[in-house]
């Protein structure tokens, strides 16, 4: 992880599409149906399903892009 963040060709993380409060709110919305891995919670699912810094970093670390 350190190399990804500090190397000369490091990952440039863009701003999140929404405010953090909106992700938190979406993760506790009534009648929320989880469609992702049952091992993750609704906040993690919300952060990784949108174009967020969390998703960008995860993709950089795992070498994947997109859904």
Protein backbone atom coordinates (compact mmCIF):
# COMPACT_ATOMS: atom_id res chain seq x y z
CA UNK A 1 0.00 0.00 0.00
CA UNK A 2 2.81 2.39 0.87
CA UNK A 3 4.36 1.97 -2.60
CA UNK A 4 1.05 2.71 -4.34
CA UNK A 5 0.66 5.93 -2.38
CA UNK A 6 4.25 7.17 -2.48
CA UNK A 7 5.79 5.95 -5.75
CA UNK A 8 6.55 8.43 -8.50
CA UNK A 9 3.66 7.06 -10.54
CA UNK A 10 1.37 7.03 -7.53
CA UNK A 11 -2.37 6.85 -7.76
CA UNK A 12 -4.11 10.18 -8.13
CA UNK A 13 -7.33 10.01 -6.14
CA UNK A 14 -10.11 12.26 -7.36
CA UNK A 15 -12.76 13.77 -5.10
CA UNK A 16 -15.72 11.65 -4.07
CA UNK A 17 -18.88 12.05 -6.11
CA UNK A 18 -20.92 12.90 -3.01
CA UNK A 19 -20.35 14.25 0.50
CA UNK A 20 -19.49 11.69 3.17
CA UNK A 21 -22.77 12.45 4.94
CA UNK A 22 -24.65 11.27 1.85
CA UNK A 23 -22.83 7.94 1.86
CA UNK A 24 -23.52 7.48 5.56
CA UNK A 25 -27.17 8.40 5.02
CA UNK A 26 -27.48 5.96 2.13
CA UNK A 27 -26.04 3.19 4.28
CA UNK A 28 -28.75 3.54 6.94
CA UNK A 29 -31.72 4.26 4.67
CA UNK A 30 -34.93 2.36 5.49
CA UNK A 31 -35.54 -0.80 3.46
CA UNK A 32 -31.90 -0.90 2.34
CA UNK A 33 -31.29 -4.06 0.34
CA UNK A 34 -27.70 -5.23 0.22
CA UNK A 35 -26.61 -6.59 -3.15
CA UNK A 36 -22.91 -6.98 -2.44
CA UNK A 37 -20.83 -9.49 -0.55
CA UNK A 38 -22.62 -10.34 2.72
CA UNK A 39 -19.28 -9.89 4.49
CA UNK A 40 -19.38 -6.13 3.93
CA UNK A 41 -21.63 -3.62 5.58
CA UNK A 42 -23.88 -1.08 3.90
CA UNK A 43 -21.40 1.80 4.28
CA UNK A 44 -18.60 -0.18 2.63
CA UNK A 45 -21.01 -1.22 -0.11
CA UNK A 46 -22.06 2.40 -0.69
CA UNK A 47 -18.44 3.59 -0.83
CA UNK A 48 -17.31 0.88 -3.22
CA UNK A 49 -20.30 1.05 -5.55
CA UNK A 50 -19.72 4.73 -6.41
CA UNK A 51 -16.65 6.47 -7.85
CA UNK A 52 -15.08 7.26 -4.47
CA UNK A 53 -11.50 7.53 -3.25
CA UNK A 54 -12.09 4.29 -1.34
CA UNK A 55 -12.98 2.50 -4.57
CA UNK A 56 -10.10 4.09 -6.49
CA UNK A 57 -7.61 3.02 -3.82
CA UNK A 58 -9.05 -0.49 -3.68
CA UNK A 59 -8.79 -0.80 -7.45
CA UNK A 60 -5.21 0.49 -7.41
CA UNK A 61 -4.21 -2.00 -4.73
CA UNK A 62 -5.91 -4.98 -6.37
CA UNK A 63 -5.08 -4.05 -9.95
CA UNK A 64 -8.70 -3.96 -11.06
CA UNK A 65 -10.88 -1.27 -12.59
CA UNK A 66 -14.62 -0.91 -12.95
CA UNK A 67 -17.31 -3.27 -11.72
